[in-house]
Amino acid sequence: MTKTKQLEIWRTLTNGEKVIVGSLAQNSKGTFFQYSPDYLNNFPNGNLSPFKLHFNDEVQLAPRLFDGLHSVFADSLPDGWGRLLMDRVFAQHDISPYSITPMDRLAYVGNTAIGALSYQPISEIVAQVSELIQLAELGLQAQAIFDGQTEEILTALTQMGSSGGARPKAQVYFPQGREDICRTQYQQGDEAWLVKFTSNNLALCHEEGLCEAVYLQMAQQAGITVPQWKLVNAPSQSGARQWLALKRFDCIENGQAQQGRLHTLTACGLLEADFRQPSLDYIDLIKAANLLTQDLNAGKAIFRRALFNLFSCNQDDHSKNVSFVQNDQGKWSISPAYDMTFSPNPYGEHMTSFAGFGKNPPKKAIQMLAHQANLEWKDALDIIEQVRSAVGDFAVLAKDVGVKSGTVRDIAKVLRQVKIDLV
């Protein structure tokens, strides 16, 4: 495989048009980025990473974080499941994982990253798969790869696996009105979805998707915006009854032959905050949201999500689980909430702290968050009560979607133990 030393970075607009943003180059001194003059002139508010990139034509060296990539571009790389698939493909081509650079990985991602950015030239080892695939077959093969059993459908899965997280999943395009078949390449009229599969090796076994669906319902009841979602039928041999599918918020249905996109940046990419370890506080996130969006409602939304994560025992609230989207005019907004589910840490610590407290934050800590979010305490208490009420519906909602009674009992017990007096 030819080593990747230079890449062009392109951006897909909401109408499907692609424009060149700039270029990446790598040498012995590091990785360098430079904006294209045309992009600077035509998109005066289009800085991809306002906190970390200068919006001019200077050559900008990446810090040593994120394997020497600028964090906004490192955001395009998969972790967990997607990286596993990518490494399997490199191994099939007798390419040592120790010889693969982050630039090689970006070339492999090509045009499959979450968000509006794509990278050219695409790696020579990428095989295009455009035919329709049965979702059931795809899910079974993903489960088998996750469980270490097969690589039969690896090529298709790698084109569907650029998203983060450890669970087996696929970015798919459903033809209108269908959810039993899918493809990896967009065709006019398709809808973009992310399907999360299951495994007996996951913490909740084959009920991961059902429980996340319950959390999505609770989050909505708590006043949190979430992606459109649905449960799709899984084949009986998978061990699951249904899989969770989430409509992608970065993809725009514009009726055109080319799909539109929104530029998407996680808090990890925005703030250079390592998602693998506790690196953020909700105060940081509230400040960043308000500053980036120039909208105080964004900080209030972060406050609401923080309280939901606290009371619902979603302790895997790391920096890649919050994102912001930018439209063609450069306006930023907070994305719908995602990856909100039951995820207790063995030590009870959240990945994102509450005014310095990783667990059991006292009233004064929540008051500090409320103040940072420009909330009067009485209004913060209303949000807290709404969140508490929504989380209190877990058992009823879980039974409605078919979560097993034992799982419902175990999770409800943990949720009851999260008793924090904030009145």
Foldseek 3Di string as FASTA:
>chain_A
DDADFKKWKWFQAQQQDIDTFWMWGADPVAIKTFGDPVCCVVQVQADLFVVQDDSDGDIDFADPFLVRDQLLLSLQAEPALLVLLVVVLCVVVVHDPVPHGVSLRLLCLACQGAFTMGIPDRDPSQDAWFDKDFPQVVQLVLQCVLVVHDCVPSNQQNLFRRYYDNFRKGWWWAAPPDDRITGSDDFQRTFIKMKTHAACPDPLGQCQQLQQVLLVQLCVLLVAFAFDKDWAAHDVVSVHGTIIMGGRPQWHNDRDRRIRGWGKDWQCSNVVADLVAQGAALLVVLVVQCVQQVDLVQLVNSLLVVLLCLLQQVQSCGRRQWMWTAHSNNHIHTDGGDPRGHDHDPVRFHSYHQQPHRHLDALVSSVVSCVSSVHDVVVSVVSNVSSNVSSQCSLVSSVVSPDDPVVSVVSVVVSVVSDYDND
